[in-house]
Each structure stands twice: as C-alpha cells, then as structure tokens.
C-alpha cells in the first residue's frame, strides 16, 4: 500500500487548497468523508455476505460428508448381507463385488429357467 509521509501530505493539501480555494475546502472534506463512510459501509456489508457464504459452504460440505458416510454404511451392509468379505476394501470395490454377485445370481436363475 502507498504510504505518505508528512511532507507529501502537506504538498497534497497545498495543491488542493490552490485548486479549490479556501471556501470550497470544508465542502470538499465533507464529500470525501461521506464517500469514505459509504465505502466502509459497503466493505462491511461485503465481508458479512462473504462470511455467510463461507458458513453455507461449510454446512453443505458437512451434509455431503454425512450423506457419503451413510451411503458407505449401506454399501458395507449390502456386501455383508451378500456374504462378501469387506475388510480392507473400499466402497467402490465392494460395489463391483456386489454387482458381480448379483449378475452371477441372475445368470443362475436364467440357467435354472432354461433347464426347466
């Protein structure tokens, strides 16, 4: 950020005084003060909006995490019910094994229907 020393500030004030005159200086100061106040208000509003956005993102991430955990539990239960060894396997691996077991069962049903 730009930092001004005492000499630079005095120089800028002299230039402003020459350009606008002593009669317009109070009016100019009020306008600058008002603009800075509006800027700070807008800045605080934006920060508030962003903090709300961050909170919403955290809530969504937590909800997705909970849904993912519930889905993984269901997959694990299905694999155990199907008689599949689950230890050391990911949910994706278990889904493949469940699918294969279901296809084998469907093939066995088709074969028994054909024999009958």
PDB file of N, CA and C in Angstrom:
ATOM      1  N   UNK A   1       0.847  -1.174   0.000  1.00  0.00           N
ATOM      2  CA  UNK A   1       0.000   0.000   0.000  1.00  0.00           C
ATOM      3  C   UNK A   1       0.886   1.228   0.000  1.00  0.00           C
ATOM      4  N   UNK A   2       0.385   2.268  -0.574  1.00  0.00           N
ATOM      5  CA  UNK A   2       1.114   3.528  -0.668  1.00  0.00           C
ATOM      6  C   UNK A   2       1.069   4.241   0.675  1.00  0.00           C
ATOM      7  N   UNK A   3       2.230   4.603   1.220  1.00  0.00           N
ATOM      8  CA  UNK A   3       2.251   5.349   2.473  1.00  0.00           C
ATOM      9  C   UNK A   3       2.851   6.722   2.202  1.00  0.00           C
ATOM     10  N   UNK A   4       2.169   7.712   2.704  1.00  0.00           N
ATOM     11  CA  UNK A   4       2.608   9.089   2.505  1.00  0.00           C
ATOM     12  C   UNK A   4       3.257   9.613   3.781  1.00  0.00           C
ATOM     13  N   UNK A   5       4.344  10.341   3.623  1.00  0.00           N
ATOM     14  CA  UNK A   5       4.990  10.985   4.753  1.00  0.00           C
ATOM     15  C   UNK A   5       4.381  12.353   5.004  1.00  0.00           C
ATOM     16  N   UNK A   6       4.880  13.010   6.029  1.00  0.00           N
ATOM     17  CA  UNK A   6       4.346  14.329   6.394  1.00  0.00           C
ATOM     18  C   UNK A   6       4.523  15.333   5.262  1.00  0.00           C
ATOM     19  N   UNK A   7       5.676  15.317   4.617  1.00  0.00           N
ATOM     20  CA  UNK A   7       5.938  16.262   3.528  1.00  0.00           C
ATOM     21  C   UNK A   7       4.995  16.068   2.359  1.00  0.00           C
ATOM     22  N   UNK A   8       4.712  14.802   2.004  1.00  0.00           N
ATOM     23  CA  UNK A   8       3.803  14.533   0.892  1.00  0.00           C
ATOM     24  C   UNK A   8       2.381  14.985   1.214  1.00  0.00           C
ATOM     25  N   UNK A   9       1.950  14.776   2.454  1.00  0.00           N
ATOM     26  CA  UNK A   9       0.603  15.181   2.859  1.00  0.00           C
ATOM     27  C   UNK A   9       0.470  16.699   2.784  1.00  0.00           C
ATOM     28  N   UNK A  10       1.457  17.423   3.279  1.00  0.00           N
ATOM     29  CA  UNK A  10       1.432  18.882   3.230  1.00  0.00           C
ATOM     30  C   UNK A  10       1.388  19.347   1.778  1.00  0.00           C
ATOM     31  N   UNK A  11       2.184  18.726   0.913  1.00  0.00           N
ATOM     32  CA  UNK A  11       2.205  19.094  -0.502  1.00  0.00           C
ATOM     33  C   UNK A  11       0.836  18.882  -1.140  1.00  0.00           C
ATOM     34  N   UNK A  12       0.203  17.749  -0.879  1.00  0.00           N
ATOM     35  CA  UNK A  12      -1.121  17.465  -1.436  1.00  0.00           C
ATOM     36  C   UNK A  12      -2.141  18.474  -0.918  1.00  0.00           C
ATOM     37  N   UNK A  13      -2.086  18.806   0.365  1.00  0.00           N
ATOM     38  CA  UNK A  13      -3.025  19.792   0.924  1.00  0.00           C
ATOM     39  C   UNK A  13      -2.844  21.166   0.284  1.00  0.00           C
ATOM     40  N   UNK A  14      -1.605  21.567   0.027  1.00  0.00           N
ATOM     41  CA  UNK A  14      -1.345  22.859  -0.626  1.00  0.00           C
ATOM     42  C   UNK A  14      -1.919  22.840  -2.041  1.00  0.00           C
ATOM     43  N   UNK A  15      -1.718  21.762  -2.774  1.00  0.00           N
ATOM     44  CA  UNK A  15      -2.255  21.654  -4.137  1.00  0.00           C
ATOM     45  C   UNK A  15      -3.784  21.718  -4.102  1.00  0.00           C
ATOM     46  N   UNK A  16      -4.425  21.007  -3.180  1.00  0.00           N
ATOM     47  CA  UNK A  16      -5.886  21.025  -3.057  1.00  0.00           C
ATOM     48  C   UNK A  16      -6.363  22.437  -2.721  1.00  0.00           C
ATOM     49  N   UNK A  17      -5.658  23.105  -1.815  1.00  0.00           N
ATOM     50  CA  UNK A  17      -6.031  24.465  -1.431  1.00  0.00           C
ATOM     51  C   UNK A  17      -5.946  25.419  -2.622  1.00  0.00           C
ATOM     52  N   UNK A  18      -4.903  25.266  -3.440  1.00  0.00           N
ATOM     53  CA  UNK A  18      -4.731  26.129  -4.611  1.00  0.00           C
ATOM     54  C   UNK A  18      -5.817  25.827  -5.649  1.00  0.00           C
ATOM     55  N   UNK A  19      -6.108  24.544  -5.866  1.00  0.00           N
ATOM     56  CA  UNK A  19      -7.086  24.170  -6.897  1.00  0.00           C
ATOM     57  C   UNK A  19      -8.512  24.560  -6.517  1.00  0.00           C
ATOM     58  N   UNK A  20      -8.920  24.327  -5.277  1.00  0.00           N
ATOM     59  CA  UNK A  20     -10.315  24.522  -4.891  1.00  0.00           C
ATOM     60  C   UNK A  20     -10.559  25.807  -4.102  1.00  0.00           C
ATOM     61  N   UNK A  21      -9.565  26.363  -3.503  1.00  0.00           N
ATOM     62  CA  UNK A  21      -9.736  27.600  -2.727  1.00  0.00           C
ATOM     63  C   UNK A  21     -10.198  27.304  -1.310  1.00  0.00           C
ATOM     64  N   UNK A  22      -9.984  28.261  -0.427  1.00  0.00           N
ATOM     65  CA  UNK A  22     -10.322  28.037   0.990  1.00  0.00           C
ATOM     66  C   UNK A  22     -11.821  27.933   1.252  1.00  0.00           C
ATOM     67  N   UNK A  23     -12.652  28.513   0.380  1.00  0.00           N
ATOM     68  CA  UNK A  23     -14.101  28.461   0.586  1.00  0.00           C
ATOM     69  C   UNK A  23     -14.688  27.080   0.297  1.00  0.00           C
ATOM     70  N   UNK A  24     -14.117  26.374  -0.647  1.00  0.00           N
ATOM     71  CA  UNK A  24     -14.635  25.060  -1.037  1.00  0.00           C
ATOM     72  C   UNK A  24     -14.014  23.923  -0.222  1.00  0.00           C
ATOM     73  N   UNK A  25     -12.980  24.192   0.530  1.00  0.00           N
ATOM     74  CA  UNK A  25     -12.261  23.151   1.270  1.00  0.00           C
ATOM     75  C   UNK A  25     -13.154  22.405   2.270  1.00  0.00           C
ATOM     76  N   UNK A  26     -13.986  23.071   3.100  1.00  0.00           N
ATOM     77  CA  UNK A  26     -14.855  22.323   4.029  1.00  0.00           C
ATOM     78  C   UNK A  26     -15.861  21.430   3.292  1.00  0.00           C
ATOM     79  N   UNK A  27     -16.404  21.964   2.203  1.00  0.00           N
ATOM     80  CA  UNK A  27     -17.358  21.179   1.405  1.00  0.00           C
ATOM     81  C   UNK A  27     -16.678  19.944   0.825  1.00  0.00           C
ATOM     82  N   UNK A  28     -15.469  20.109   0.324  1.00  0.00           N
ATOM     83  CA  UNK A  28     -14.700  19.001  -0.238  1.00  0.00           C
ATOM     84  C   UNK A  28     -14.384  17.963   0.839  1.00  0.00           C
ATOM     85  N   UNK A  29     -14.020  18.413   2.036  1.00  0.00           N
ATOM     86  CA  UNK A  29     -13.709  17.496   3.136  1.00  0.00           C
ATOM     87  C   UNK A  29     -14.938  16.689   3.533  1.00  0.00           C
ATOM     88  N   UNK A  30     -16.124  17.342   3.577  1.00  0.00           N
ATOM     89  CA  UNK A  30     -17.358  16.613   3.895  1.00  0.00           C
ATOM     90  C   UNK A  30     -17.658  15.565   2.835  1.00  0.00           C
ATOM     91  N   UNK A  31     -17.463  15.917   1.576  1.00  0.00           N
ATOM     92  CA  UNK A  31     -17.727  14.969   0.490  1.00  0.00           C
ATOM     93  C   UNK A  31     -16.787  13.768   0.570  1.00  0.00           C
ATOM     94  N   UNK A  32     -15.512  14.031   0.838  1.00  0.00           N
ATOM     95  CA  UNK A  32     -14.547  12.933   0.956  1.00  0.00           C
ATOM     96  C   UNK A  32     -14.882  12.063   2.163  1.00  0.00           C
ATOM     97  N   UNK A  33     -15.229  12.679   3.286  1.00  0.00           N
ATOM     98  CA  UNK A  33     -15.607  11.927   4.484  1.00  0.00           C
ATOM     99  C   UNK A  33     -16.836  11.060   4.247  1.00  0.00           C
ATOM    100  N   UNK A  34     -17.841  11.627   3.571  1.00  0.00           N
ATOM    101  CA  UNK A  34     -19.052  10.863   3.252  1.00  0.00           C
ATOM    102  C   UNK A  34     -18.754   9.686   2.344  1.00  0.00           C
ATOM    103  N   UNK A  35     -17.900   9.927   1.353  1.00  0.00           N
ATOM    104  CA  UNK A  35     -17.539   8.844   0.428  1.00  0.00           C
ATOM    105  C   UNK A  35     -16.796   7.730   1.161  1.00  0.00           C
ATOM    106  N   UNK A  36     -15.888   8.109   2.067  1.00  0.00           N
ATOM    107  CA  UNK A  36     -15.162   7.094   2.841  1.00  0.00           C
ATOM    108  C   UNK A  36     -16.111   6.316   3.746  1.00  0.00           C
ATOM    109  N   UNK A  37     -17.082   6.996   4.335  1.00  0.00           N
ATOM    110  CA  UNK A  37     -18.071   6.320   5.177  1.00  0.00           C
ATOM    111  C   UNK A  37     -18.889   5.317   4.382  1.00  0.00           C
ATOM    112  N   UNK A  38     -19.342   5.719   3.198  1.00  0.00           N
ATOM    113  CA  UNK A  38     -20.103   4.807   2.342  1.00  0.00           C
ATOM    114  C   UNK A  38     -19.248   3.619   1.919  1.00  0.00           C
ATOM    115  N   UNK A  39     -17.980   3.884   1.622  1.00  0.00           N
ATOM    116  CA  UNK A  39     -17.074   2.807   1.223  1.00  0.00           C
ATOM    117  C   UNK A  39     -16.917   1.794   2.357  1.00  0.00           C
ATOM    118  N   UNK A  40     -16.720   2.274   3.581  1.00  0.00           N
ATOM    119  CA  UNK A  40     -16.553   1.367   4.723  1.00  0.00           C
ATOM    120  C   UNK A  40     -17.828   0.575   4.980  1.00  0.00           C
ATOM    121  N   UNK A  41     -18.976   1.206   4.828  1.00  0.00           N
ATOM    122  CA  UNK A  41     -20.245   0.504   4.999  1.00  0.00           C
ATOM    123  C   UNK A  41     -20.385  -0.609   3.960  1.00  0.00           C
ATOM    124  N   UNK A  42     -20.071  -0.299   2.723  1.00  0.00           N
ATOM    125  CA  UNK A  42     -20.140  -1.309   1.662  1.00  0.00           C
ATOM    126  C   UNK A  42     -19.139  -2.429   1.909  1.00  0.00           C
ATOM    127  N   UNK A  43     -17.960  -2.081   2.393  1.00  0.00           N
ATOM    128  CA  UNK A  43     -16.939  -3.086   2.688  1.00  0.00           C
ATOM    129  C   UNK A  43     -17.426  -4.039   3.782  1.00  0.00           C
ATOM    130  N   UNK A  44     -18.010  -3.497   4.846  1.00  0.00           N
ATOM    131  CA  UNK A  44     -18.523  -4.336   5.931  1.00  0.00           C
ATOM    132  C   UNK A  44     -19.654  -5.228   5.439  1.00  0.00           C
ATOM    133  N   UNK A  45     -20.526  -4.700   4.582  1.00  0.00           N
ATOM    134  CA  UNK A  45     -21.621  -5.499   4.034  1.00  0.00           C
ATOM    135  C   UNK A  45     -21.074  -6.646   3.182  1.00  0.00           C
ATOM    136  N   UNK A  46     -20.055  -6.357   2.396  1.00  0.00           N
ATOM    137  CA  UNK A  46     -19.456  -7.404   1.564  1.00  0.00           C
ATOM    138  C   UNK A  46     -18.790  -8.475   2.426  1.00  0.00           C
ATOM    139  N   UNK A  47     -18.095  -8.060   3.471  1.00  0.00           N
ATOM    140  CA  UNK A  47     -17.469  -9.024   4.376  1.00  0.00           C
ATOM    141  C   UNK A  47     -18.520  -9.888   5.055  1.00  0.00           C
ATOM    142  N   UNK A  48     -19.639  -9.283   5.443  1.00  0.00           N
ATOM    143  CA  UNK A  48     -20.727 -10.039   6.075  1.00  0.00           C
ATOM    144  C   UNK A  48     -21.294 -11.066   5.093  1.00  0.00           C
ATOM    145  N   UNK A  49     -21.513 -10.642   3.849  1.00  0.00           N
ATOM    146  CA  UNK A  49     -22.025 -11.560   2.834  1.00  0.00           C
ATOM    147  C   UNK A  49     -21.067 -12.715   2.604  1.00  0.00           C
ATOM    148  N   UNK A  50     -19.770 -12.413   2.539  1.00  0.00           N
ATOM    149  CA  UNK A  50     -18.783 -13.466   2.319  1.00  0.00           C
ATOM    150  C   UNK A  50     -18.705 -14.422   3.496  1.00  0.00           C
ATOM    151  N   UNK A  51     -18.835 -13.911   4.711  1.00  0.00           N
ATOM    152  CA  UNK A  51     -18.790 -14.803   5.867  1.00  0.00           C
ATOM    153  C   UNK A  51     -20.010 -15.723   5.860  1.00  0.00           C
ATOM    154  N   UNK A  52     -21.157 -15.200   5.445  1.00  0.00           N
ATOM    155  CA  UNK A  52     -22.356 -16.032   5.310  1.00  0.00           C
ATOM    156  C   UNK A  52     -22.176 -17.084   4.231  1.00  0.00           C
ATOM    157  N   UNK A  53     -21.503 -16.718   3.149  1.00  0.00           N
ATOM    158  CA  UNK A  53     -21.234 -17.657   2.066  1.00  0.00           C
ATOM    159  C   UNK A  53     -20.313 -18.774   2.542  1.00  0.00           C
ATOM    160  N   UNK A  54     -19.286 -18.417   3.328  1.00  0.00           N
ATOM    161  CA  UNK A  54     -18.376 -19.420   3.873  1.00  0.00           C
ATOM    162  C   UNK A  54     -19.114 -20.389   4.792  1.00  0.00           C
ATOM    163  N   UNK A  55     -19.998 -19.853   5.611  1.00  0.00           N
ATOM    164  CA  UNK A  55     -20.774 -20.698   6.528  1.00  0.00           C
ATOM    165  C   UNK A  55     -21.664 -21.652   5.738  1.00  0.00           C
ATOM    166  N   UNK A  56     -22.284 -21.164   4.681  1.00  0.00           N
ATOM    167  CA  UNK A  56     -23.132 -22.006   3.844  1.00  0.00           C
ATOM    168  C   UNK A  56     -22.309 -23.120   3.199  1.00  0.00           C
ATOM    169  N   UNK A  57     -21.120 -22.792   2.714  1.00  0.00           N
ATOM    170  CA  UNK A  57     -20.247 -23.813   2.125  1.00  0.00           C
ATOM    171  C   UNK A  57     -19.868 -24.872   3.145  1.00  0.00           C
ATOM    172  N   UNK A  58     -19.581 -24.459   4.389  1.00  0.00           N
ATOM    173  CA  UNK A  58     -19.241 -25.427   5.435  1.00  0.00           C
ATOM    174  C   UNK A  58     -20.423 -26.346   5.716  1.00  0.00           C
ATOM    175  N   UNK A  59     -21.635 -25.781   5.775  1.00  0.00           N
ATOM    176  CA  UNK A  59     -22.827 -26.588   6.030  1.00  0.00           C
ATOM    177  C   UNK A  59     -23.056 -27.595   4.904  1.00  0.00           C
ATOM    178  N   UNK A  60     -22.885 -27.162   3.662  1.00  0.00           N
ATOM    179  CA  UNK A  60     -23.069 -28.065   2.522  1.00  0.00           C
ATOM    180  C   UNK A  60     -22.032 -29.171   2.549  1.00  0.00           C
ATOM    181  N   UNK A  61     -20.777 -28.827   2.845  1.00  0.00           N
ATOM    182  CA  UNK A  61     -19.718 -29.833   2.903  1.00  0.00           C
ATOM    183  C   UNK A  61     -19.995 -30.849   4.005  1.00  0.00           C
ATOM    184  N   UNK A  62     -20.473 -30.389   5.146  1.00  0.00           N
ATOM    185  CA  UNK A  62     -20.787 -31.300   6.263  1.00  0.00           C
ATOM    186  C   UNK A  62     -21.938 -32.226   5.881  1.00  0.00           C
ATOM    187  N   UNK A  63     -22.945 -31.692   5.214  1.00  0.00           N
ATOM    188  CA  UNK A  63     -24.085 -32.508   4.793  1.00  0.00           C
ATOM    189  C   UNK A  63     -23.644 -33.573   3.789  1.00  0.00           C
ATOM    190  N   UNK A  64     -22.795 -33.191   2.833  1.00  0.00           N
ATOM    191  CA  UNK A  64     -22.294 -34.161   1.852  1.00  0.00           C
ATOM    192  C   UNK A  64     -21.461 -35.235   2.538  1.00  0.00           C
ATOM    193  N   UNK A  65     -20.686 -34.845   3.529  1.00  0.00           N
ATOM    194  CA  UNK A  65     -19.868 -35.802   4.270  1.00  0.00           C
ATOM    195  C   UNK A  65     -20.756 -36.817   4.988  1.00  0.00           C
ATOM    196  N   UNK A  66     -21.827 -36.328   5.611  1.00  0.00           N
ATOM    197  CA  UNK A  66     -22.751 -37.214   6.307  1.00  0.00           C
ATOM    198  C   UNK A  66     -23.463 -38.151   5.331  1.00  0.00           C
ATOM    199  N   UNK A  67     -23.880 -37.611   4.183  1.00  0.00           N
ATOM    200  CA  UNK A  67     -24.545 -38.443   3.176  1.00  0.00           C
ATOM    201  C   UNK A  67     -23.604 -39.509   2.646  1.00  0.00           C
ATOM    202  N   UNK A  68     -22.347 -39.139   2.437  1.00  0.00           N
ATOM    203  CA  UNK A  68     -21.353 -40.089   1.948  1.00  0.00           C
ATOM    204  C   UNK A  68     -21.114 -41.195   2.969  1.00  0.00           C
ATOM    205  N   UNK A  69     -21.044 -40.834   4.239  1.00  0.00           N
ATOM    206  CA  UNK A  69     -20.843 -41.833   5.291  1.00  0.00           C
ATOM    207  C   UNK A  69     -22.035 -42.791   5.353  1.00  0.00           C
ATOM    208  N   UNK A  70     -23.257 -42.253   5.226  1.00  0.00           N
ATOM    209  CA  UNK A  70     -24.453 -43.094   5.256  1.00  0.00           C
ATOM    210  C   UNK A  70     -24.474 -44.045   4.057  1.00  0.00           C
ATOM    211  N   UNK A  71     -24.082 -43.554   2.895  1.00  0.00           N
ATOM    212  CA  UNK A  71     -24.042 -44.391   1.698  1.00  0.00           C
ATOM    213  C   UNK A  71     -23.005 -45.503   1.844  1.00  0.00           C
ATOM    214  N   UNK A  72     -21.840 -45.163   2.386  1.00  0.00           N
ATOM    215  CA  UNK A  72     -20.803 -46.177   2.602  1.00  0.00           C
ATOM    216  C   UNK A  72     -21.270 -47.246   3.579  1.00  0.00           C
ATOM    217  N   UNK A  73     -22.024 -46.853   4.613  1.00  0.00           N
ATOM    218  CA  UNK A  73     -22.568 -47.828   5.557  1.00  0.00           C
ATOM    219  C   UNK A  73     -23.550 -48.763   4.870  1.00  0.00           C
ATOM    220  N   UNK A  74     -24.395 -48.228   3.982  1.00  0.00           N
ATOM    221  CA  UNK A  74     -25.357 -49.061   3.252  1.00  0.00           C
ATOM    222  C   UNK A  74     -24.636 -50.047   2.338  1.00  0.00           C
ATOM    223  N   UNK A  75     -23.584 -49.590   1.677  1.00  0.00           N
ATOM    224  CA  UNK A  75     -22.819 -50.474   0.793  1.00  0.00           C
ATOM    225  C   UNK A  75     -22.175 -51.591   1.608  1.00  0.00           C
ATOM    226  N   UNK A  76     -21.620 -51.245   2.754  1.00  0.00           N
ATOM    227  CA  UNK A  76     -20.994 -52.232   3.626  1.00  0.00           C
ATOM    228  C   UNK A  76     -22.024 -53.257   4.090  1.00  0.00           C
ATOM    229  N   UNK A  77     -23.206 -52.800   4.470  1.00  0.00           N
ATOM    230  CA  UNK A  77     -24.268 -53.713   4.907  1.00  0.00           C
ATOM    231  C   UNK A  77     -24.698 -54.633   3.775  1.00  0.00           C
ATOM    232  N   UNK A  78     -24.849 -54.096   2.570  1.00  0.00           N
ATOM    233  CA  UNK A  78     -25.237 -54.920   1.423  1.00  0.00           C
ATOM    234  C   UNK A  78     -24.189 -55.987   1.139  1.00  0.00           C
ATOM    235  N   UNK A  79     -22.919 -55.612   1.221  1.00  0.00           N
ATOM    236  CA  UNK A  79     -21.842 -56.570   0.962  1.00  0.00           C
ATOM    237  C   UNK A  79     -21.839 -57.666   2.022  1.00  0.00           C
ATOM    238  N   UNK A  80     -22.017 -57.282   3.276  1.00  0.00           N
ATOM    239  CA  UNK A  80     -22.060 -58.285   4.345  1.00  0.00           C
ATOM    240  C   UNK A  80     -23.250 -59.215   4.164  1.00  0.00           C
ATOM    241  N   UNK A  81     -24.408 -58.660   3.789  1.00  0.00           N
ATOM    242  CA  UNK A  81     -25.602 -59.485   3.550  1.00  0.00           C
ATOM    243  C   UNK A  81     -25.397 -60.436   2.379  1.00  0.00           C
ATOM    244  N   UNK A  82     -24.588 -60.036   1.408  1.00  0.00           N
ATOM    245  CA  UNK A  82     -24.321 -60.878   0.243  1.00  0.00           C
ATOM    246  C   UNK A  82     -23.215 -61.897   0.526  1.00  0.00           C
ATOM    247  N   UNK A  83     -22.626 -61.848   1.730  1.00  0.00           N
ATOM    248  CA  UNK A  83     -21.582 -62.801   2.085  1.00  0.00           C
ATOM    249  C   UNK A  83     -20.220 -62.436   1.521  1.00  0.00           C
ATOM    250  N   UNK A  84     -19.990 -61.182   1.257  1.00  0.00           N
ATOM    251  CA  UNK A  84     -18.719 -60.723   0.697  1.00  0.00           C
ATOM    252  C   UNK A  84     -17.824 -60.262   1.837  1.00  0.00           C
ATOM    253  N   UNK A  85     -16.561 -60.675   1.786  1.00  0.00           N
ATOM    254  CA  UNK A  85     -15.577 -60.236   2.782  1.00  0.00           C
ATOM    255  C   UNK A  85     -15.315 -58.745   2.569  1.00  0.00           C
ATOM    256  N   UNK A  86     -15.551 -57.915   3.581  1.00  0.00           N
ATOM    257  CA  UNK A  86     -15.484 -56.471   3.420  1.00  0.00           C
ATOM    258  C   UNK A  86     -14.201 -55.846   3.944  1.00  0.00           C
ATOM    259  N   UNK A  87     -13.473 -56.535   4.746  1.00  0.00           N
ATOM    260  CA  UNK A  87     -12.304 -55.940   5.384  1.00  0.00           C
ATOM    261  C   UNK A  87     -11.241 -55.535   4.368  1.00  0.00           C
ATOM    262  N   UNK A  88     -10.780 -54.279   4.482  1.00  0.00           N
ATOM    263  CA  UNK A  88      -9.711 -53.778   3.625  1.00  0.00           C
ATOM    264  C   UNK A  88     -10.160 -53.375   2.227  1.00  0.00           C
ATOM    265  N   UNK A  89     -11.477 -53.341   1.984  1.00  0.00           N
ATOM    266  CA  UNK A  89     -11.981 -52.987   0.651  1.00  0.00           C
ATOM    267  C   UNK A  89     -12.670 -51.627   0.708  1.00  0.00           C
ATOM    268  N   UNK A  90     -12.521 -50.869  -0.376  1.00  0.00           N
ATOM    269  CA  UNK A  90     -13.185 -49.577  -0.470  1.00  0.00           C
ATOM    270  C   UNK A  90     -14.639 -49.780  -0.882  1.00  0.00           C
ATOM    271  N   UNK A  91     -15.421 -48.719  -0.767  1.00  0.00           N
ATOM    272  CA  UNK A  91     -16.828 -48.786  -1.161  1.00  0.00           C
ATOM    273  C   UNK A  91     -16.957 -49.098  -2.652  1.00  0.00           C
ATOM    274  N   UNK A  92     -16.073 -48.540  -3.463  1.00  0.00           N
ATOM    275  CA  UNK A  92     -16.116 -48.815  -4.906  1.00  0.00           C
ATOM    276  C   UNK A  92     -15.833 -50.281  -5.198  1.00  0.00           C
ATOM    277  N   UNK A  93     -14.843 -50.847  -4.512  1.00  0.00           N
ATOM    278  CA  UNK A  93     -14.528 -52.272  -4.707  1.00  0.00           C
ATOM    279  C   UNK A  93     -15.698 -53.138  -4.272  1.00  0.00           C
ATOM    280  N   UNK A  94     -16.326 -52.764  -3.173  1.00  0.00           N
ATOM    281  CA  UNK A  94     -17.475 -53.532  -2.702  1.00  0.00           C
ATOM    282  C   UNK A  94     -18.640 -53.455  -3.687  1.00  0.00           C
ATOM    283  N   UNK A  95     -18.848 -52.290  -4.283  1.00  0.00           N
ATOM    284  CA  UNK A  95     -19.919 -52.159  -5.282  1.00  0.00           C
ATOM    285  C   UNK A  95     -19.683 -53.073  -6.479  1.00  0.00           C
ATOM    286  N   UNK A  96     -18.434 -53.174  -6.915  1.00  0.00           N
ATOM    287  CA  UNK A  96     -18.106 -54.060  -8.037  1.00  0.00           C
ATOM    288  C   UNK A  96     -18.388 -55.516  -7.659  1.00  0.00           C
ATOM    289  N   UNK A  97     -17.978 -55.896  -6.444  1.00  0.00           N
ATOM    290  CA  UNK A  97     -18.199 -57.273  -5.995  1.00  0.00           C
ATOM    291  C   UNK A  97     -19.691 -57.577  -5.823  1.00  0.00           C
ATOM    292  N   UNK A  98     -20.455 -56.617  -5.301  1.00  0.00           N
ATOM    293  CA  UNK A  98     -21.904 -56.802  -5.157  1.00  0.00           C
ATOM    294  C   UNK A  98     -22.545 -56.960  -6.518  1.00  0.00           C
ATOM    295  N   UNK A  99     -22.142 -56.114  -7.460  1.00  0.00           N
ATOM    296  CA  UNK A  99     -22.688 -56.190  -8.821  1.00  0.00           C
ATOM    297  C   UNK A  99     -22.375 -57.537  -9.461  1.00  0.00           C
ATOM    298  N   UNK A 100     -21.141 -57.990  -9.302  1.00  0.00           N
ATOM    299  CA  UNK A 100     -20.752 -59.287  -9.871  1.00  0.00           C
ATOM    300  C   UNK A 100     -21.555 -60.408  -9.249  1.00  0.00           C
ATOM    301  N   UNK A 101     -21.749 -60.352  -7.936  1.00  0.00           N
ATOM    302  CA  UNK A 101     -22.521 -61.389  -7.248  1.00  0.00           C
ATOM    303  C   UNK A 101     -23.969 -61.380  -7.722  1.00  0.00           C
ATOM    304  N   UNK A 102     -24.524 -60.171  -7.927  1.00  0.00           N
ATOM    305  CA  UNK A 102     -25.899 -60.074  -8.416  1.00  0.00           C
ATOM    306  C   UNK A 102     -26.012 -60.635  -9.829  1.00  0.00           C
ATOM    307  N   UNK A 103     -25.025 -60.337 -10.681  1.00  0.00           N
ATOM    308  CA  UNK A 103     -25.041 -60.867 -12.047  1.00  0.00           C
ATOM    309  C   UNK A 103     -24.917 -62.380 -12.047  1.00  0.00           C
ATOM    310  N   UNK A 104     -24.083 -62.924 -11.158  1.00  0.00           N
ATOM    311  CA  UNK A 104     -23.948 -64.384 -11.050  1.00  0.00           C
ATOM    312  C   UNK A 104     -25.261 -65.011 -10.614  1.00  0.00           C
ATOM    313  N   UNK A 105     -25.948 -64.359  -9.672  1.00  0.00           N
ATOM    314  CA  UNK A 105     -27.246 -64.852  -9.214  1.00  0.00           C
ATOM    315  C   UNK A 105     -28.281 -64.791 -10.323  1.00  0.00           C
ATOM    316  N   UNK A 106     -28.253 -63.709 -11.110  1.00  0.00           N
ATOM    317  CA  UNK A 106     -29.205 -63.576 -12.220  1.00  0.00           C
ATOM    318  C   UNK A 106     -28.923 -64.631 -13.283  1.00  0.00           C
ATOM    319  N   UNK A 107     -27.634 -64.901 -13.542  1.00  0.00           N
ATOM    320  CA  UNK A 107     -27.272 -65.935 -14.513  1.00  0.00           C
ATOM    321  C   UNK A 107     -27.730 -67.300 -14.034  1.00  0.00           C
ATOM    322  N   UNK A 108     -27.594 -67.573 -12.748  1.00  0.00           N
ATOM    323  CA  UNK A 108     -28.023 -68.863 -12.201  1.00  0.00           C
ATOM    324  C   UNK A 108     -29.525 -69.018 -12.327  1.00  0.00           C
ATOM    325  N   UNK A 109     -30.281 -67.952 -12.115  1.00  0.00           N
ATOM    326  CA  UNK A 109     -31.739 -68.005 -12.255  1.00  0.00           C
ATOM    327  C   UNK A 109     -32.117 -68.282 -13.706  1.00  0.00           C
ATOM    328  N   UNK A 110     -31.445 -67.601 -14.647  1.00  0.00           N
ATOM    329  CA  UNK A 110     -31.719 -67.818 -16.070  1.00  0.00           C
ATOM    330  C   UNK A 110     -31.418 -69.252 -16.464  1.00  0.00           C
ATOM    331  N   UNK A 111     -30.304 -69.779 -15.990  1.00  0.00           N
ATOM    332  CA  UNK A 111     -29.917 -71.150 -16.317  1.00  0.00           C
ATOM    333  C   UNK A 111     -30.943 -72.155 -15.752  1.00  0.00           C
ATOM    334  N   UNK A 112     -31.428 -71.916 -14.539  1.00  0.00           N
ATOM    335  CA  UNK A 112     -32.428 -72.840 -13.955  1.00  0.00           C
ATOM    336  C   UNK A 112     -33.742 -72.764 -14.729  1.00  0.00           C
ATOM    337  N   UNK A 113     -34.090 -71.572 -15.262  1.00  0.00           N
ATOM    338  CA  UNK A 113     -35.328 -71.452 -16.048  1.00  0.00           C
ATOM    339  C   UNK A 113     -35.191 -72.189 -17.372  1.00  0.00           C
ATOM    340  N   UNK A 114     -33.989 -72.113 -17.965  1.00  0.00           N
ATOM    341  CA  UNK A 114     -33.756 -72.789 -19.235  1.00  0.00           C
ATOM    342  C   UNK A 114     -33.800 -74.313 -19.065  1.00  0.00           C
ATOM    343  N   UNK A 115     -33.316 -74.816 -17.940  1.00  0.00           N
ATOM    344  CA  UNK A 115     -33.296 -76.255 -17.687  1.00  0.00           C
ATOM    345  C   UNK A 115     -34.700 -76.759 -17.417  1.00  0.00           C
ATOM    346  N   UNK A 116     -35.556 -75.930 -16.894  1.00  0.00           N
ATOM    347  CA  UNK A 116     -36.904 -76.375 -16.544  1.00  0.00           C
ATOM    348  C   UNK A 116     -37.820 -76.380 -17.707  1.00  0.00           C
TER     349      UNK A 116
END
